[in-house]
Amino acid sequence: MDKLVPIIYMIGVLLLVLPSFLSSNSNFKSFFTNLSIWVAIVLVVLSFYFAYNYFF
């Protein structure tokens, strides 16, 4: 149950952000630039989360 709540939260945030993200990135190059920024943000957040769970 402890791992299910963050997954549901991340899916909810994705559903809220995805429509405006897709509509604002009509250009192919800007889409992949912004997508890479979002992937980097998610990876940083997940790495902090896993590091916190590992050390504490």
Protein backbone atom coordinates (compact mmCIF):
# COMPACT_ATOMS: atom_id res chain seq x y z
CA MET A 1 0.00 0.00 0.00
CA ASP A 2 2.92 2.37 0.68
CA LYS A 3 4.12 2.08 -2.91
CA LEU A 4 0.68 2.39 -4.44
CA VAL A 5 -0.08 5.91 -3.22
CA PRO A 6 2.95 7.62 -4.90
CA ILE A 7 2.19 5.79 -8.14
CA ILE A 8 -1.41 7.00 -8.09
CA TYR A 9 -0.19 10.52 -7.28
CA MET A 10 2.27 10.54 -10.20
CA ILE A 11 -0.41 9.25 -12.60
CA GLY A 12 -2.77 11.97 -11.40
CA VAL A 13 -0.17 14.67 -11.97
CA LEU A 14 0.55 13.24 -15.41
CA LEU A 15 -3.15 13.34 -16.31
CA LEU A 16 -3.40 16.96 -15.19
CA VAL A 17 -0.29 18.14 -17.03
CA LEU A 18 -0.47 16.06 -20.21
CA PRO A 19 -3.27 17.90 -22.12
CA SER A 20 -1.67 21.34 -21.83
CA PHE A 21 1.77 19.85 -22.50
CA LEU A 22 0.62 18.31 -25.76
CA SER A 23 -1.29 21.38 -26.91
CA SER A 24 1.60 23.77 -26.24
CA ASN A 25 4.17 21.62 -28.05
CA SER A 26 2.94 21.48 -31.61
CA ASN A 27 6.48 21.77 -32.98
CA PHE A 28 8.38 18.45 -33.07
CA LYS A 29 11.66 19.90 -31.77
CA SER A 30 10.08 21.79 -28.88
CA PHE A 31 8.07 18.69 -27.96
CA PHE A 32 11.19 16.57 -27.49
CA THR A 33 13.03 19.37 -25.71
CA ASN A 34 10.23 19.79 -23.21
CA LEU A 35 9.76 16.05 -22.91
CA SER A 36 13.43 15.61 -22.03
CA ILE A 37 13.14 18.34 -19.39
CA TRP A 38 10.14 16.57 -17.83
CA VAL A 39 11.94 13.22 -17.88
CA ALA A 40 14.90 14.81 -16.13
CA ILE A 41 12.64 16.33 -13.47
CA VAL A 42 10.90 13.00 -12.84
CA LEU A 43 14.24 11.19 -12.61
CA VAL A 44 15.56 13.70 -10.07
CA VAL A 45 12.42 13.41 -7.95
CA LEU A 46 12.50 9.61 -8.09
CA SER A 47 16.19 9.48 -7.24
CA PHE A 48 15.61 11.69 -4.17
CA TYR A 49 12.70 9.47 -3.19
CA PHE A 50 14.72 6.26 -3.48
CA ALA A 51 17.74 7.80 -1.76
CA TYR A 52 15.55 8.95 1.12
CA ASN A 53 14.07 5.46 1.47
CA TYR A 54 17.50 3.85 1.29
CA PHE A 55 19.21 6.03 3.90
CA PHE A 56 16.31 6.60 6.30
